[in-house]
Amino acid sequence: MKTIRALRQFSHYHAGSFDQYETRPVSDDVADALVGMKLAELVDVEQSAQVDGQGKAKEKVKK
């Protein structure tokens, strides 16, 4: 399993519907396909688990 973050809203036959910036674990082959189509990016699980004082997950944007 790999964790991905959706870059925009989309629907995938096997993984379901994704909202923009939603983070979700998916199977390796689905993650590789979505990243290859530039619909998602891989995220570090420890990084996405960090929480700020307001209870929202911190996000680092890759540029």
PDB file of N, CA and C in Angstrom:
ATOM      1  N   MET A   1       0.836  -1.184   0.000  1.00  0.00           N
ATOM      2  CA  MET A   1       0.000   0.000   0.000  1.00  0.00           C
ATOM      3  C   MET A   1       0.882   1.250   0.000  1.00  0.00           C
ATOM      4  N   LYS A   2       0.465   2.214  -0.794  1.00  0.00           N
ATOM      5  CA  LYS A   2       1.114   3.516  -0.844  1.00  0.00           C
ATOM      6  C   LYS A   2       0.057   4.564  -0.533  1.00  0.00           C
ATOM      7  N   THR A   3       0.502   5.681   0.043  1.00  0.00           N
ATOM      8  CA  THR A   3      -0.413   6.773   0.340  1.00  0.00           C
ATOM      9  C   THR A   3      -0.234   7.860  -0.712  1.00  0.00           C
ATOM     10  N   ILE A   4      -1.361   8.312  -1.266  1.00  0.00           N
ATOM     11  CA  ILE A   4      -1.331   9.342  -2.297  1.00  0.00           C
ATOM     12  C   ILE A   4      -2.181  10.537  -1.885  1.00  0.00           C
ATOM     13  N   ARG A   5      -1.910  11.678  -2.509  1.00  0.00           N
ATOM     14  CA  ARG A   5      -2.729  12.876  -2.345  1.00  0.00           C
ATOM     15  C   ARG A   5      -3.230  13.271  -3.727  1.00  0.00           C
ATOM     16  N   ALA A   6      -4.538  13.420  -3.853  1.00  0.00           N
ATOM     17  CA  ALA A   6      -5.144  13.791  -5.132  1.00  0.00           C
ATOM     18  C   ALA A   6      -4.792  15.237  -5.463  1.00  0.00           C
ATOM     19  N   LEU A   7      -4.389  15.481  -6.702  1.00  0.00           N
ATOM     20  CA  LEU A   7      -4.053  16.834  -7.129  1.00  0.00           C
ATOM     21  C   LEU A   7      -5.285  17.596  -7.602  1.00  0.00           C
ATOM     22  N   ARG A   8      -6.337  16.853  -7.948  1.00  0.00           N
ATOM     23  CA  ARG A   8      -7.610  17.451  -8.341  1.00  0.00           C
ATOM     24  C   ARG A   8      -8.695  16.413  -8.089  1.00  0.00           C
ATOM     25  N   GLN A   9      -9.930  16.791  -8.241  1.00  0.00           N
ATOM     26  CA  GLN A   9     -11.035  15.861  -8.030  1.00  0.00           C
ATOM     27  C   GLN A   9     -11.135  14.925  -9.241  1.00  0.00           C
ATOM     28  N   PHE A  10     -11.275  13.623  -8.974  1.00  0.00           N
ATOM     29  CA  PHE A  10     -11.428  12.654 -10.052  1.00  0.00           C
ATOM     30  C   PHE A  10     -12.046  11.376  -9.507  1.00  0.00           C
ATOM     31  N   SER A  11     -12.431  10.503 -10.398  1.00  0.00           N
ATOM     32  CA  SER A  11     -12.976   9.205 -10.036  1.00  0.00           C
ATOM     33  C   SER A  11     -12.160   8.135 -10.726  1.00  0.00           C
ATOM     34  N   HIS A  12     -11.851   7.068 -10.008  1.00  0.00           N
ATOM     35  CA  HIS A  12     -11.082   5.954 -10.552  1.00  0.00           C
ATOM     36  C   HIS A  12     -11.904   4.674 -10.394  1.00  0.00           C
ATOM     37  N   TYR A  13     -11.900   3.846 -11.420  1.00  0.00           N
ATOM     38  CA  TYR A  13     -12.724   2.634 -11.434  1.00  0.00           C
ATOM     39  C   TYR A  13     -12.501   1.758 -10.201  1.00  0.00           C
ATOM     40  N   HIS A  14     -11.229   1.535  -9.805  1.00  0.00           N
ATOM     41  CA  HIS A  14     -10.919   0.632  -8.695  1.00  0.00           C
ATOM     42  C   HIS A  14     -10.818   1.343  -7.345  1.00  0.00           C
ATOM     43  N   ALA A  15     -10.403   2.603  -7.341  1.00  0.00           N
ATOM     44  CA  ALA A  15     -10.137   3.293  -6.080  1.00  0.00           C
ATOM     45  C   ALA A  15     -11.270   4.217  -5.639  1.00  0.00           C
ATOM     46  N   GLY A  16     -12.244   4.485  -6.487  1.00  0.00           N
ATOM     47  CA  GLY A  16     -13.373   5.329  -6.098  1.00  0.00           C
ATOM     48  C   GLY A  16     -13.155   6.798  -6.404  1.00  0.00           C
ATOM     49  N   SER A  17     -13.972   7.649  -5.789  1.00  0.00           N
ATOM     50  CA  SER A  17     -13.922   9.089  -6.026  1.00  0.00           C
ATOM     51  C   SER A  17     -12.948   9.755  -5.057  1.00  0.00           C
ATOM     52  N   PHE A  18     -12.211  10.725  -5.571  1.00  0.00           N
ATOM     53  CA  PHE A  18     -11.258  11.485  -4.777  1.00  0.00           C
ATOM     54  C   PHE A  18     -11.620  12.954  -4.847  1.00  0.00           C
ATOM     55  N   ASP A  19     -11.553  13.640  -3.708  1.00  0.00           N
ATOM     56  CA  ASP A  19     -11.685  15.084  -3.677  1.00  0.00           C
ATOM     57  C   ASP A  19     -10.293  15.692  -3.833  1.00  0.00           C
ATOM     58  N   GLN A  20     -10.240  16.948  -4.269  1.00  0.00           N
ATOM     59  CA  GLN A  20      -8.951  17.602  -4.429  1.00  0.00           C
ATOM     60  C   GLN A  20      -8.224  17.641  -3.093  1.00  0.00           C
ATOM     61  N   TYR A  21      -6.951  17.275  -3.095  1.00  0.00           N
ATOM     62  CA  TYR A  21      -6.038  17.245  -1.938  1.00  0.00           C
ATOM     63  C   TYR A  21      -6.375  16.168  -0.914  1.00  0.00           C
ATOM     64  N   GLU A  22      -7.295  15.260  -1.223  1.00  0.00           N
ATOM     65  CA  GLU A  22      -7.602  14.156  -0.313  1.00  0.00           C
ATOM     66  C   GLU A  22      -6.408  13.207  -0.261  1.00  0.00           C
ATOM     67  N   THR A  23      -6.090  12.726   0.924  1.00  0.00           N
ATOM     68  CA  THR A  23      -4.998  11.780   1.121  1.00  0.00           C
ATOM     69  C   THR A  23      -5.604  10.436   1.501  1.00  0.00           C
ATOM     70  N   ARG A  24      -5.134   9.365   0.807  1.00  0.00           N
ATOM     71  CA  ARG A  24      -5.713   8.050   1.037  1.00  0.00           C
ATOM     72  C   ARG A  24      -4.705   6.959   0.665  1.00  0.00           C
ATOM     73  N   PRO A  25      -4.663   5.859   1.445  1.00  0.00           N
ATOM     74  CA  PRO A  25      -3.831   4.716   1.053  1.00  0.00           C
ATOM     75  C   PRO A  25      -4.530   3.919  -0.056  1.00  0.00           C
ATOM     76  N   VAL A  26      -3.766   3.533  -1.067  1.00  0.00           N
ATOM     77  CA  VAL A  26      -4.283   2.712  -2.164  1.00  0.00           C
ATOM     78  C   VAL A  26      -3.241   1.651  -2.498  1.00  0.00           C
ATOM     79  N   SER A  27      -3.631   0.657  -3.276  1.00  0.00           N
ATOM     80  CA  SER A  27      -2.694  -0.391  -3.653  1.00  0.00           C
ATOM     81  C   SER A  27      -1.565   0.194  -4.511  1.00  0.00           C
ATOM     82  N   ASP A  28      -0.430  -0.482  -4.518  1.00  0.00           N
ATOM     83  CA  ASP A  28       0.754   0.004  -5.227  1.00  0.00           C
ATOM     84  C   ASP A  28       0.494   0.241  -6.709  1.00  0.00           C
ATOM     85  N   ASP A  29      -0.191  -0.696  -7.367  1.00  0.00           N
ATOM     86  CA  ASP A  29      -0.414  -0.544  -8.814  1.00  0.00           C
ATOM     87  C   ASP A  29      -1.339   0.630  -9.126  1.00  0.00           C
ATOM     88  N   VAL A  30      -2.361   0.851  -8.307  1.00  0.00           N
ATOM     89  CA  VAL A  30      -3.264   1.989  -8.507  1.00  0.00           C
ATOM     90  C   VAL A  30      -2.513   3.287  -8.234  1.00  0.00           C
ATOM     91  N   ALA A  31      -1.708   3.328  -7.182  1.00  0.00           N
ATOM     92  CA  ALA A  31      -0.927   4.528  -6.862  1.00  0.00           C
ATOM     93  C   ALA A  31       0.012   4.878  -8.014  1.00  0.00           C
ATOM     94  N   ASP A  32       0.708   3.889  -8.539  1.00  0.00           N
ATOM     95  CA  ASP A  32       1.631   4.131  -9.655  1.00  0.00           C
ATOM     96  C   ASP A  32       0.893   4.655 -10.885  1.00  0.00           C
ATOM     97  N   ALA A  33      -0.292   4.119 -11.162  1.00  0.00           N
ATOM     98  CA  ALA A  33      -1.072   4.565 -12.316  1.00  0.00           C
ATOM     99  C   ALA A  33      -1.546   6.001 -12.135  1.00  0.00           C
ATOM    100  N   LEU A  34      -2.071   6.343 -10.957  1.00  0.00           N
ATOM    101  CA  LEU A  34      -2.579   7.690 -10.711  1.00  0.00           C
ATOM    102  C   LEU A  34      -1.472   8.731 -10.723  1.00  0.00           C
ATOM    103  N   VAL A  35      -0.319   8.385 -10.171  1.00  0.00           N
ATOM    104  CA  VAL A  35       0.834   9.290 -10.208  1.00  0.00           C
ATOM    105  C   VAL A  35       1.311   9.449 -11.653  1.00  0.00           C
ATOM    106  N   GLY A  36       1.327   8.368 -12.402  1.00  0.00           N
ATOM    107  CA  GLY A  36       1.739   8.418 -13.805  1.00  0.00           C
ATOM    108  C   GLY A  36       0.818   9.274 -14.665  1.00  0.00           C
ATOM    109  N   MET A  37      -0.465   9.323 -14.322  1.00  0.00           N
ATOM    110  CA  MET A  37      -1.426  10.158 -15.055  1.00  0.00           C
ATOM    111  C   MET A  37      -1.476  11.581 -14.513  1.00  0.00           C
ATOM    112  N   LYS A  38      -0.613  11.875 -13.532  1.00  0.00           N
ATOM    113  CA  LYS A  38      -0.544  13.199 -12.896  1.00  0.00           C
ATOM    114  C   LYS A  38      -1.865  13.604 -12.237  1.00  0.00           C
ATOM    115  N   LEU A  39      -2.577  12.612 -11.713  1.00  0.00           N
ATOM    116  CA  LEU A  39      -3.793  12.878 -10.949  1.00  0.00           C
ATOM    117  C   LEU A  39      -3.513  12.923  -9.451  1.00  0.00           C
ATOM    118  N   ALA A  40      -2.356  12.368  -9.048  1.00  0.00           N
ATOM    119  CA  ALA A  40      -2.024  12.293  -7.632  1.00  0.00           C
ATOM    120  C   ALA A  40      -0.516  12.336  -7.458  1.00  0.00           C
ATOM    121  N   GLU A  41      -0.105  12.530  -6.197  1.00  0.00           N
ATOM    122  CA  GLU A  41       1.314  12.475  -5.846  1.00  0.00           C
ATOM    123  C   GLU A  41       1.474  11.569  -4.634  1.00  0.00           C
ATOM    124  N   LEU A  42       2.633  10.954  -4.504  1.00  0.00           N
ATOM    125  CA  LEU A  42       2.911  10.106  -3.345  1.00  0.00           C
ATOM    126  C   LEU A  42       3.184  10.990  -2.145  1.00  0.00           C
ATOM    127  N   VAL A  43       2.743  10.543  -0.968  1.00  0.00           N
ATOM    128  CA  VAL A  43       2.983  11.289   0.264  1.00  0.00           C
ATOM    129  C   VAL A  43       3.663  10.399   1.277  1.00  0.00           C
ATOM    130  N   ASP A  44       4.486  11.028   2.104  1.00  0.00           N
ATOM    131  CA  ASP A  44       5.152  10.342   3.195  1.00  0.00           C
ATOM    132  C   ASP A  44       4.135  10.172   4.318  1.00  0.00           C
ATOM    133  N   VAL A  45       3.934   8.948   4.797  1.00  0.00           N
ATOM    134  CA  VAL A  45       2.903   8.673   5.804  1.00  0.00           C
ATOM    135  C   VAL A  45       3.172   9.432   7.095  1.00  0.00           C
ATOM    136  N   GLU A  46       4.422   9.492   7.563  1.00  0.00           N
ATOM    137  CA  GLU A  46       4.733  10.211   8.796  1.00  0.00           C
ATOM    138  C   GLU A  46       4.458  11.700   8.641  1.00  0.00           C
ATOM    139  N   GLN A  47       4.762  12.258   7.481  1.00  0.00           N
ATOM    140  CA  GLN A  47       4.541  13.676   7.223  1.00  0.00           C
ATOM    141  C   GLN A  47       3.056  14.007   7.274  1.00  0.00           C
ATOM    142  N   SER A  48       2.225  13.167   6.693  1.00  0.00           N
ATOM    143  CA  SER A  48       0.794  13.452   6.660  1.00  0.00           C
ATOM    144  C   SER A  48       0.128  13.223   8.019  1.00  0.00           C
ATOM    145  N   ALA A  49       0.798  12.533   8.938  1.00  0.00           N
ATOM    146  CA  ALA A  49       0.238  12.280  10.259  1.00  0.00           C
ATOM    147  C   ALA A  49       0.466  13.442  11.214  1.00  0.00           C
ATOM    148  N   GLN A  50       1.356  14.389  10.873  1.00  0.00           N
ATOM    149  CA  GLN A  50       1.592  15.546  11.728  1.00  0.00           C
ATOM    150  C   GLN A  50       0.340  16.407  11.758  1.00  0.00           C
ATOM    151  N   VAL A  51       0.026  16.902  12.952  1.00  0.00           N
ATOM    152  CA  VAL A  51      -1.188  17.705  13.101  1.00  0.00           C
ATOM    153  C   VAL A  51      -0.825  19.021  13.778  1.00  0.00           C
ATOM    154  N   ASP A  52      -1.395  20.127  13.289  1.00  0.00           N
ATOM    155  CA  ASP A  52      -1.137  21.412  13.922  1.00  0.00           C
ATOM    156  C   ASP A  52      -2.139  21.648  15.053  1.00  0.00           C
ATOM    157  N   GLY A  53      -2.079  22.801  15.682  1.00  0.00           N
ATOM    158  CA  GLY A  53      -2.918  23.117  16.838  1.00  0.00           C
ATOM    159  C   GLY A  53      -4.396  23.166  16.540  1.00  0.00           C
ATOM    160  N   GLN A  54      -4.810  23.346  15.294  1.00  0.00           N
ATOM    161  CA  GLN A  54      -6.222  23.443  14.957  1.00  0.00           C
ATOM    162  C   GLN A  54      -6.818  22.098  14.553  1.00  0.00           C
ATOM    163  N   GLY A  55      -6.021  21.028  14.598  1.00  0.00           N
ATOM    164  CA  GLY A  55      -6.530  19.713  14.264  1.00  0.00           C
ATOM    165  C   GLY A  55      -6.560  19.425  12.776  1.00  0.00           C
ATOM    166  N   LYS A  56      -5.899  20.236  11.974  1.00  0.00           N
ATOM    167  CA  LYS A  56      -5.838  20.010  10.534  1.00  0.00           C
ATOM    168  C   LYS A  56      -4.472  19.457  10.178  1.00  0.00           C
ATOM    169  N   ALA A  57      -4.439  18.530   9.260  1.00  0.00           N
ATOM    170  CA  ALA A  57      -3.152  17.961   8.835  1.00  0.00           C
ATOM    171  C   ALA A  57      -2.350  19.024   8.106  1.00  0.00           C
ATOM    172  N   LYS A  58      -1.063  19.089   8.422  1.00  0.00           N
ATOM    173  CA  LYS A  58      -0.185  20.030   7.721  1.00  0.00           C
ATOM    174  C   LYS A  58       0.124  19.481   6.336  1.00  0.00           C
ATOM    175  N   GLU A  59       0.195  20.366   5.373  1.00  0.00           N
ATOM    176  CA  GLU A  59       0.494  19.957   4.015  1.00  0.00           C
ATOM    177  C   GLU A  59       1.711  20.705   3.508  1.00  0.00           C
ATOM    178  N   LYS A  60       2.612  19.974   2.887  1.00  0.00           N
ATOM    179  CA  LYS A  60       3.751  20.588   2.225  1.00  0.00           C
ATOM    180  C   LYS A  60       3.540  20.448   0.729  1.00  0.00           C
ATOM    181  N   VAL A  61       3.622  21.548   0.034  1.00  0.00           N
ATOM    182  CA  VAL A  61       3.367  21.541  -1.405  1.00  0.00           C
ATOM    183  C   VAL A  61       4.685  21.364  -2.134  1.00  0.00           C
ATOM    184  N   LYS A  62       4.728  20.418  -3.055  1.00  0.00           N
ATOM    185  CA  LYS A  62       5.910  20.207  -3.883  1.00  0.00           C
ATOM    186  C   LYS A  62       5.874  21.180  -5.037  1.00  0.00           C
ATOM    187  N   LYS A  63       6.967  21.890  -5.234  1.00  0.00           N
ATOM    188  CA  LYS A  63       7.039  22.829  -6.352  1.00  0.00           C
ATOM    189  C   LYS A  63       8.197  22.505  -7.248  1.00  0.00           C
TER     190      LYS A  63
END
